[in-house]
Amino acid sequence: MKSIADLKVKIFADGADLKVIGDMSRNPIIKGFTTNPTLMRKAGIPDYRAFALEAARLVGQRPISFEVFSDEFNEMEAQAMEIAAWGKNVYVKIPVTNTRREFAGGLIKRLAKAGVQLNITALLTIRQVKDVMECLSPDTSSFVSVFAGRIADTGRDPVPLMSEAMRLLRPNPKAELIWASPRELLNIFHADSIGCHVITVTSDVLAKLPLIGKDLDEYSLDTVKMFHNDAVAAGFRIATPQPARVAA
């Protein structure tokens, strides 16, 4: 099987913990960073702008994406212009629709034409990919984030859809496909196998990277040892009947 060094897909770290972002920024495997308001809220971030500026500083020249959070397109545009000014490596995440299911196409066109680097997020269908690709500029770098993990959560195989998304992106060399919300380490290899440009990976999945290529017999033994050690540490006991004595 492939090693991490053999993979062509770029791994982006996904999260909102500044310490973790700082640690990941020193890892050459990590080629970029993403976050979102949900992750930031879970991390207890009190100041969006202060967090974003520090995160952008920590990652150096590598790309990092921050999301607008208004539900109105005119306000999204103002937020996008402000976020874009936070650094040359900053990409602005624009949701494919607002909460009223209104397509953000007009906003995407205006921002792309203005040279704002975009990360169009929360896509789950090929129709959405087609609509977005009609709005992006061939002159402005952009990401298209398709949430393959959420597709898989519905019982659908995301690989064929992601393969078709890759085909749709090819005419625009400035647009890169992100395999978003992966659920397991294997998804990195799925993304790589179809030529996907980027996969976003959370710290719990990144922690499994050392397992790549691990000998399965050794992994089996590790598992047996884990169960045994935990049973001993818990002090579990099962009373068992003593064997009956045989009379002499």
C-alpha atoms as a PDB file:
ATOM      1  CA  MET A   1       0.000   0.000   0.000  1.00  0.00           C
ATOM      2  CA  LYS A   2       1.044   3.641  -0.417  1.00  0.00           C
ATOM      3  CA  SER A   3       2.892   5.510   2.293  1.00  0.00           C
ATOM      4  CA  ILE A   4       2.083   9.112   3.234  1.00  0.00           C
ATOM      5  CA  ALA A   5       5.109  10.209   1.194  1.00  0.00           C
ATOM      6  CA  ASP A   6       3.587   8.597  -1.915  1.00  0.00           C
ATOM      7  CA  LEU A   7       0.260  10.408  -1.666  1.00  0.00           C
ATOM      8  CA  LYS A   8      -0.484  13.215  -4.099  1.00  0.00           C
ATOM      9  CA  VAL A   9      -3.576  14.494  -2.277  1.00  0.00           C
ATOM     10  CA  LYS A  10      -2.770  17.461  -0.016  1.00  0.00           C
ATOM     11  CA  ILE A  11      -3.724  17.071   3.645  1.00  0.00           C
ATOM     12  CA  PHE A  12      -5.273  20.129   5.304  1.00  0.00           C
ATOM     13  CA  ALA A  13      -5.737  20.191   9.093  1.00  0.00           C
ATOM     14  CA  ASP A  14      -9.291  21.048  10.164  1.00  0.00           C
ATOM     15  CA  GLY A  15      -9.855  22.552  13.596  1.00  0.00           C
ATOM     16  CA  ALA A  16      -9.992  25.613  15.842  1.00  0.00           C
ATOM     17  CA  ASP A  17      -7.464  24.952  18.593  1.00  0.00           C
ATOM     18  CA  LEU A  18      -4.590  27.428  18.262  1.00  0.00           C
ATOM     19  CA  LYS A  19      -2.141  25.116  20.038  1.00  0.00           C
ATOM     20  CA  VAL A  20      -2.976  22.277  17.657  1.00  0.00           C
ATOM     21  CA  ILE A  21      -2.778  24.650  14.672  1.00  0.00           C
ATOM     22  CA  GLY A  22       0.647  25.763  15.858  1.00  0.00           C
ATOM     23  CA  ASP A  23       1.820  22.165  16.256  1.00  0.00           C
ATOM     24  CA  MET A  24       0.451  21.192  12.842  1.00  0.00           C
ATOM     25  CA  SER A  25       2.125  24.192  11.229  1.00  0.00           C
ATOM     26  CA  ARG A  26       5.456  22.522  12.021  1.00  0.00           C
ATOM     27  CA  ASN A  27       4.398  19.251  10.388  1.00  0.00           C
ATOM     28  CA  PRO A  28       5.523  19.101   6.733  1.00  0.00           C
ATOM     29  CA  ILE A  29       2.719  16.654   5.938  1.00  0.00           C
ATOM     30  CA  ILE A  30       0.146  19.400   6.550  1.00  0.00           C
ATOM     31  CA  LYS A  31      -0.208  21.603   3.463  1.00  0.00           C
ATOM     32  CA  GLY A  32      -3.027  23.894   4.612  1.00  0.00           C
ATOM     33  CA  PHE A  33      -5.697  24.603   7.226  1.00  0.00           C
ATOM     34  CA  THR A  34      -9.463  25.042   7.481  1.00  0.00           C
ATOM     35  CA  THR A  35     -11.910  25.863  10.234  1.00  0.00           C
ATOM     36  CA  ASN A  36     -15.577  26.827  10.567  1.00  0.00           C
ATOM     37  CA  PRO A  37     -17.906  28.571  13.054  1.00  0.00           C
ATOM     38  CA  THR A  38     -19.058  25.247  14.573  1.00  0.00           C
ATOM     39  CA  LEU A  39     -15.496  24.156  15.362  1.00  0.00           C
ATOM     40  CA  MET A  40     -14.718  27.632  16.698  1.00  0.00           C
ATOM     41  CA  ARG A  41     -17.750  27.597  18.973  1.00  0.00           C
ATOM     42  CA  LYS A  42     -16.804  24.145  20.320  1.00  0.00           C
ATOM     43  CA  ALA A  43     -13.296  25.465  21.008  1.00  0.00           C
ATOM     44  CA  GLY A  44     -14.775  28.399  22.965  1.00  0.00           C
ATOM     45  CA  ILE A  45     -13.357  31.085  20.658  1.00  0.00           C
ATOM     46  CA  PRO A  46     -14.628  34.473  21.984  1.00  0.00           C
ATOM     47  CA  ASP A  47     -13.215  36.777  19.288  1.00  0.00           C
ATOM     48  CA  TYR A  48     -13.487  35.650  15.654  1.00  0.00           C
ATOM     49  CA  ARG A  49     -11.088  38.232  14.211  1.00  0.00           C
ATOM     50  CA  ALA A  50      -8.410  37.822  16.893  1.00  0.00           C
ATOM     51  CA  PHE A  51      -8.484  34.035  16.513  1.00  0.00           C
ATOM     52  CA  ALA A  52      -8.285  34.231  12.721  1.00  0.00           C
ATOM     53  CA  LEU A  53      -5.375  36.674  12.691  1.00  0.00           C
ATOM     54  CA  GLU A  54      -3.375  34.529  15.110  1.00  0.00           C
ATOM     55  CA  ALA A  55      -4.181  31.332  13.184  1.00  0.00           C
ATOM     56  CA  ALA A  56      -3.168  32.958   9.896  1.00  0.00           C
ATOM     57  CA  ARG A  57       0.108  34.034  11.493  1.00  0.00           C
ATOM     58  CA  LEU A  58       0.823  30.563  12.873  1.00  0.00           C
ATOM     59  CA  VAL A  59       0.391  28.759   9.542  1.00  0.00           C
ATOM     60  CA  GLY A  60       2.831  30.981   7.661  1.00  0.00           C
ATOM     61  CA  GLN A  61       2.374  30.903   3.906  1.00  0.00           C
ATOM     62  CA  ARG A  62       0.107  27.860   3.822  1.00  0.00           C
ATOM     63  CA  PRO A  63      -3.543  28.443   2.866  1.00  0.00           C
ATOM     64  CA  ILE A  64      -6.123  28.804   5.618  1.00  0.00           C
ATOM     65  CA  SER A  65      -9.900  29.235   5.236  1.00  0.00           C
ATOM     66  CA  PHE A  66     -12.281  31.280   7.404  1.00  0.00           C
ATOM     67  CA  GLU A  67     -16.048  31.349   6.894  1.00  0.00           C
ATOM     68  CA  VAL A  68     -18.563  34.173   6.669  1.00  0.00           C
ATOM     69  CA  PHE A  69     -21.485  33.722   9.060  1.00  0.00           C
ATOM     70  CA  SER A  70     -24.215  36.122   7.961  1.00  0.00           C
ATOM     71  CA  ASP A  71     -27.359  34.737   6.314  1.00  0.00           C
ATOM     72  CA  GLU A  72     -27.758  37.816   4.068  1.00  0.00           C
ATOM     73  CA  PHE A  73     -25.694  37.990   0.893  1.00  0.00           C
ATOM     74  CA  ASN A  74     -24.901  41.696   1.117  1.00  0.00           C
ATOM     75  CA  GLU A  75     -23.560  41.256   4.643  1.00  0.00           C
ATOM     76  CA  MET A  76     -21.720  38.076   3.589  1.00  0.00           C
ATOM     77  CA  GLU A  77     -19.982  40.163   0.935  1.00  0.00           C
ATOM     78  CA  ALA A  78     -18.844  42.756   3.468  1.00  0.00           C
ATOM     79  CA  GLN A  79     -17.597  40.015   5.794  1.00  0.00           C
ATOM     80  CA  ALA A  80     -15.818  38.308   2.885  1.00  0.00           C
ATOM     81  CA  MET A  81     -13.933  41.460   1.946  1.00  0.00           C
ATOM     82  CA  GLU A  82     -12.866  41.957   5.563  1.00  0.00           C
ATOM     83  CA  ILE A  83     -11.719  38.329   5.945  1.00  0.00           C
ATOM     84  CA  ALA A  84      -9.822  38.438   2.643  1.00  0.00           C
ATOM     85  CA  ALA A  85      -7.788  41.355   3.987  1.00  0.00           C
ATOM     86  CA  TRP A  86      -6.437  39.236   6.862  1.00  0.00           C
ATOM     87  CA  GLY A  87      -3.665  37.705   4.761  1.00  0.00           C
ATOM     88  CA  LYS A  88      -2.498  36.696   1.289  1.00  0.00           C
ATOM     89  CA  ASN A  89      -2.873  33.044   2.308  1.00  0.00           C
ATOM     90  CA  VAL A  90      -6.481  33.499   3.474  1.00  0.00           C
ATOM     91  CA  TYR A  91      -9.408  31.924   1.624  1.00  0.00           C
ATOM     92  CA  VAL A  92     -12.968  33.016   2.363  1.00  0.00           C
ATOM     93  CA  LYS A  93     -15.479  30.238   2.918  1.00  0.00           C
ATOM     94  CA  ILE A  94     -18.859  30.949   1.345  1.00  0.00           C
ATOM     95  CA  PRO A  95     -21.712  28.458   1.928  1.00  0.00           C
ATOM     96  CA  VAL A  96     -23.277  27.206  -1.291  1.00  0.00           C
ATOM     97  CA  THR A  97     -26.664  28.536  -0.089  1.00  0.00           C
ATOM     98  CA  ASN A  98     -27.993  30.546   2.812  1.00  0.00           C
ATOM     99  CA  THR A  99     -30.429  29.007   5.329  1.00  0.00           C
ATOM    100  CA  ARG A 100     -33.335  29.843   2.998  1.00  0.00           C
ATOM    101  CA  ARG A 101     -31.861  27.574   0.301  1.00  0.00           C
ATOM    102  CA  GLU A 102     -30.996  30.593  -1.876  1.00  0.00           C
ATOM    103  CA  PHE A 103     -27.977  29.855  -4.084  1.00  0.00           C
ATOM    104  CA  ALA A 104     -24.974  32.087  -3.409  1.00  0.00           C
ATOM    105  CA  GLY A 105     -24.057  32.237  -7.104  1.00  0.00           C
ATOM    106  CA  GLY A 106     -24.273  36.001  -7.525  1.00  0.00           C
ATOM    107  CA  LEU A 107     -22.088  36.604  -4.497  1.00  0.00           C
ATOM    108  CA  ILE A 108     -19.564  33.983  -5.636  1.00  0.00           C
ATOM    109  CA  LYS A 109     -19.318  35.642  -9.067  1.00  0.00           C
ATOM    110  CA  ARG A 110     -18.758  39.111  -7.602  1.00  0.00           C
ATOM    111  CA  LEU A 111     -16.113  37.968  -5.128  1.00  0.00           C
ATOM    112  CA  ALA A 112     -14.279  35.785  -7.642  1.00  0.00           C
ATOM    113  CA  LYS A 113     -14.255  38.620 -10.168  1.00  0.00           C
ATOM    114  CA  ALA A 114     -12.827  40.909  -7.468  1.00  0.00           C
ATOM    115  CA  GLY A 115      -9.953  38.474  -6.951  1.00  0.00           C
ATOM    116  CA  VAL A 116     -11.058  37.141  -3.558  1.00  0.00           C
ATOM    117  CA  GLN A 117      -9.726  33.630  -2.955  1.00  0.00           C
ATOM    118  CA  LEU A 118     -12.762  31.502  -2.162  1.00  0.00           C
ATOM    119  CA  ASN A 119     -13.600  28.203  -0.528  1.00  0.00           C
ATOM    120  CA  ILE A 120     -17.169  27.324  -1.482  1.00  0.00           C
ATOM    121  CA  THR A 121     -18.413  25.046   1.265  1.00  0.00           C
ATOM    122  CA  ALA A 122     -21.172  22.606   2.295  1.00  0.00           C
ATOM    123  CA  LEU A 123     -21.714  21.100  -1.187  1.00  0.00           C
ATOM    124  CA  LEU A 124     -23.222  17.606  -1.293  1.00  0.00           C
ATOM    125  CA  THR A 125     -24.571  17.192  -4.850  1.00  0.00           C
ATOM    126  CA  ILE A 126     -23.241  17.225  -8.396  1.00  0.00           C
ATOM    127  CA  ARG A 127     -25.839  19.845  -9.289  1.00  0.00           C
ATOM    128  CA  GLN A 128     -24.311  22.149  -6.706  1.00  0.00           C
ATOM    129  CA  VAL A 129     -20.810  21.512  -8.090  1.00  0.00           C
ATOM    130  CA  LYS A 130     -21.987  22.377 -11.616  1.00  0.00           C
ATOM    131  CA  ASP A 131     -23.690  25.567 -10.438  1.00  0.00           C
ATOM    132  CA  VAL A 132     -20.639  26.688  -8.449  1.00  0.00           C
ATOM    133  CA  MET A 133     -18.213  26.017 -11.296  1.00  0.00           C
ATOM    134  CA  GLU A 134     -20.223  28.344 -13.523  1.00  0.00           C
ATOM    135  CA  CYS A 135     -19.599  31.156 -11.020  1.00  0.00           C
ATOM    136  CA  LEU A 136     -15.896  30.796 -10.243  1.00  0.00           C
ATOM    137  CA  SER A 137     -13.272  32.770 -12.112  1.00  0.00           C
ATOM    138  CA  PRO A 138     -10.486  30.985 -14.031  1.00  0.00           C
ATOM    139  CA  ASP A 139      -8.200  33.793 -12.850  1.00  0.00           C
ATOM    140  CA  THR A 140      -8.766  33.430  -9.097  1.00  0.00           C
ATOM    141  CA  SER A 141      -7.648  30.547  -6.878  1.00  0.00           C
ATOM    142  CA  SER A 142     -10.514  28.707  -5.235  1.00  0.00           C
ATOM    143  CA  PHE A 143     -11.495  25.562  -3.374  1.00  0.00           C
ATOM    144  CA  VAL A 144     -14.731  23.622  -3.807  1.00  0.00           C
ATOM    145  CA  SER A 145     -15.509  21.686  -0.619  1.00  0.00           C
ATOM    146  CA  VAL A 146     -17.734  18.654  -1.150  1.00  0.00           C
ATOM    147  CA  PHE A 147     -18.681  17.016   2.140  1.00  0.00           C
ATOM    148  CA  ALA A 148     -17.949  13.418   1.208  1.00  0.00           C
ATOM    149  CA  GLY A 149     -18.179  12.298   4.830  1.00  0.00           C
ATOM    150  CA  ARG A 150     -21.725  13.572   5.148  1.00  0.00           C
ATOM    151  CA  ILE A 151     -22.623  11.879   1.865  1.00  0.00           C
ATOM    152  CA  ALA A 152     -21.318   8.614   3.329  1.00  0.00           C
ATOM    153  CA  ASP A 153     -23.378   9.223   6.484  1.00  0.00           C
ATOM    154  CA  THR A 154     -26.522   8.838   4.346  1.00  0.00           C
ATOM    155  CA  GLY A 155     -25.479   5.375   3.146  1.00  0.00           C
ATOM    156  CA  ARG A 156     -24.241   6.597  -0.253  1.00  0.00           C
ATOM    157  CA  ASP A 157     -20.787   5.829  -1.627  1.00  0.00           C
ATOM    158  CA  PRO A 158     -19.108   9.239  -2.077  1.00  0.00           C
ATOM    159  CA  VAL A 159     -16.350   8.008  -4.400  1.00  0.00           C
ATOM    160  CA  PRO A 160     -18.363   8.107  -7.676  1.00  0.00           C
ATOM    161  CA  LEU A 161     -19.730  11.558  -6.835  1.00  0.00           C
ATOM    162  CA  MET A 162     -16.281  12.878  -5.959  1.00  0.00           C
ATOM    163  CA  SER A 163     -14.862  11.417  -9.177  1.00  0.00           C
ATOM    164  CA  GLU A 164     -17.511  13.262 -11.173  1.00  0.00           C
ATOM    165  CA  ALA A 165     -16.792  16.450  -9.231  1.00  0.00           C
ATOM    166  CA  MET A 166     -13.132  16.137 -10.202  1.00  0.00           C
ATOM    167  CA  ARG A 167     -14.153  15.879 -13.859  1.00  0.00           C
ATOM    168  CA  LEU A 168     -16.254  19.030 -13.565  1.00  0.00           C
ATOM    169  CA  LEU A 169     -13.379  21.006 -12.027  1.00  0.00           C
ATOM    170  CA  ARG A 170     -10.823  20.156 -14.724  1.00  0.00           C
ATOM    171  CA  PRO A 171     -11.674  23.054 -17.100  1.00  0.00           C
ATOM    172  CA  ASN A 172     -10.756  25.528 -14.342  1.00  0.00           C
ATOM    173  CA  PRO A 173      -7.080  25.013 -13.358  1.00  0.00           C
ATOM    174  CA  LYS A 174      -7.430  27.516 -10.508  1.00  0.00           C
ATOM    175  CA  ALA A 175     -10.157  25.476  -8.773  1.00  0.00           C
ATOM    176  CA  GLU A 176      -9.244  22.618  -6.426  1.00  0.00           C
ATOM    177  CA  LEU A 177     -11.584  19.978  -5.033  1.00  0.00           C
ATOM    178  CA  ILE A 178     -11.622  19.383  -1.273  1.00  0.00           C
ATOM    179  CA  TRP A 179     -12.778  16.020   0.113  1.00  0.00           C
ATOM    180  CA  ALA A 180     -14.381  17.459   3.245  1.00  0.00           C
ATOM    181  CA  SER A 181     -15.550  15.857   6.501  1.00  0.00           C
ATOM    182  CA  PRO A 182     -13.752  12.503   6.189  1.00  0.00           C
ATOM    183  CA  ARG A 183     -14.759   9.921   8.751  1.00  0.00           C
ATOM    184  CA  GLU A 184     -11.708   7.631   8.742  1.00  0.00           C
ATOM    185  CA  LEU A 185      -8.067   7.419   7.691  1.00  0.00           C
ATOM    186  CA  LEU A 186      -8.993   5.274   4.674  1.00  0.00           C
ATOM    187  CA  ASN A 187     -10.728   8.326   3.155  1.00  0.00           C
ATOM    188  CA  ILE A 188      -7.299   9.875   2.529  1.00  0.00           C
ATOM    189  CA  PHE A 189      -6.533   6.967   0.205  1.00  0.00           C
ATOM    190  CA  HIS A 190      -9.998   7.212  -1.379  1.00  0.00           C
ATOM    191  CA  ALA A 191      -9.349  10.884  -2.141  1.00  0.00           C
ATOM    192  CA  ASP A 192      -5.884  10.164  -3.497  1.00  0.00           C
ATOM    193  CA  SER A 193      -7.140   7.354  -5.747  1.00  0.00           C
ATOM    194  CA  ILE A 194      -9.445   9.692  -7.694  1.00  0.00           C
ATOM    195  CA  GLY A 195      -6.885  12.482  -7.956  1.00  0.00           C
ATOM    196  CA  CYS A 196      -8.687  14.770  -5.485  1.00  0.00           C
ATOM    197  CA  HIS A 197      -6.569  17.831  -4.768  1.00  0.00           C
ATOM    198  CA  VAL A 198      -7.156  18.220  -1.018  1.00  0.00           C
ATOM    199  CA  ILE A 199      -8.641  16.394   1.949  1.00  0.00           C
ATOM    200  CA  THR A 200      -9.439  18.141   5.234  1.00  0.00           C
ATOM    201  CA  VAL A 201      -8.598  16.016   8.270  1.00  0.00           C
ATOM    202  CA  THR A 202      -9.450  16.560  11.932  1.00  0.00           C
ATOM    203  CA  SER A 203      -6.925  15.877  14.707  1.00  0.00           C
ATOM    204  CA  ASP A 204      -8.549  12.563  15.714  1.00  0.00           C
ATOM    205  CA  VAL A 205      -7.996  11.182  12.205  1.00  0.00           C
ATOM    206  CA  LEU A 206      -4.540  12.768  11.922  1.00  0.00           C
ATOM    207  CA  ALA A 207      -3.564  10.928  15.106  1.00  0.00           C
ATOM    208  CA  LYS A 208      -3.970   7.652  13.196  1.00  0.00           C
ATOM    209  CA  LEU A 209      -1.376   8.518  10.534  1.00  0.00           C
ATOM    210  CA  PRO A 210       1.338   6.405  12.245  1.00  0.00           C
ATOM    211  CA  LEU A 211      -0.885   3.346  11.694  1.00  0.00           C
ATOM    212  CA  ILE A 212      -0.490   3.520   7.907  1.00  0.00           C
ATOM    213  CA  GLY A 213       1.084   0.263   6.718  1.00  0.00           C
ATOM    214  CA  LYS A 214       1.192  -1.228  10.237  1.00  0.00           C
ATOM    215  CA  ASP A 215       1.617  -5.020  10.295  1.00  0.00           C
ATOM    216  CA  LEU A 216      -1.853  -6.473  10.911  1.00  0.00           C
ATOM    217  CA  ASP A 217      -0.588  -9.382  13.042  1.00  0.00           C
ATOM    218  CA  GLU A 218       1.142  -6.865  15.304  1.00  0.00           C
ATOM    219  CA  TYR A 219      -1.994  -4.714  15.358  1.00  0.00           C
ATOM    220  CA  SER A 220      -4.003  -7.781  16.383  1.00  0.00           C
ATOM    221  CA  LEU A 221      -1.608  -8.451  19.258  1.00  0.00           C
ATOM    222  CA  ASP A 222      -1.773  -4.789  20.327  1.00  0.00           C
ATOM    223  CA  THR A 223      -5.557  -5.104  20.469  1.00  0.00           C
ATOM    224  CA  VAL A 224      -5.423  -8.261  22.595  1.00  0.00           C
ATOM    225  CA  LYS A 225      -2.986  -6.554  24.981  1.00  0.00           C
ATOM    226  CA  MET A 226      -5.231  -3.495  25.225  1.00  0.00           C
ATOM    227  CA  PHE A 227      -8.277  -5.584  26.221  1.00  0.00           C
ATOM    228  CA  HIS A 228      -6.223  -7.572  28.745  1.00  0.00           C
ATOM    229  CA  ASN A 229      -4.559  -4.542  30.320  1.00  0.00           C
ATOM    230  CA  ASP A 230      -7.834  -2.644  30.628  1.00  0.00           C
ATOM    231  CA  ALA A 231      -9.527  -5.640  32.297  1.00  0.00           C
ATOM    232  CA  VAL A 232      -6.666  -5.893  34.810  1.00  0.00           C
ATOM    233  CA  ALA A 233      -6.653  -2.124  35.443  1.00  0.00           C
ATOM    234  CA  ALA A 234     -10.406  -2.182  36.056  1.00  0.00           C
ATOM    235  CA  GLY A 235     -10.005  -4.970  38.601  1.00  0.00           C
ATOM    236  CA  PHE A 236     -12.616  -7.155  36.939  1.00  0.00           C
ATOM    237  CA  ARG A 237     -13.319 -10.489  38.594  1.00  0.00           C
ATOM    238  CA  ILE A 238     -15.616 -13.369  37.691  1.00  0.00           C
ATOM    239  CA  ALA A 239     -16.339 -15.913  40.391  1.00  0.00           C
ATOM    240  CA  THR A 240     -15.817 -19.379  38.936  1.00  0.00           C
ATOM    241  CA  PRO A 241     -16.783 -22.691  40.559  1.00  0.00           C
ATOM    242  CA  GLN A 242     -13.917 -24.738  41.888  1.00  0.00           C
ATOM    243  CA  PRO A 243     -13.448 -28.133  40.231  1.00  0.00           C
ATOM    244  CA  ALA A 244     -15.045 -30.914  42.214  1.00  0.00           C
ATOM    245  CA  ARG A 245     -12.704 -33.116  44.272  1.00  0.00           C
ATOM    246  CA  VAL A 246     -12.453 -36.700  43.267  1.00  0.00           C
ATOM    247  CA  ALA A 247     -12.630 -39.068  46.213  1.00  0.00           C
ATOM    248  CA  ALA A 248      -9.516 -41.168  46.793  1.00  0.00           C
END
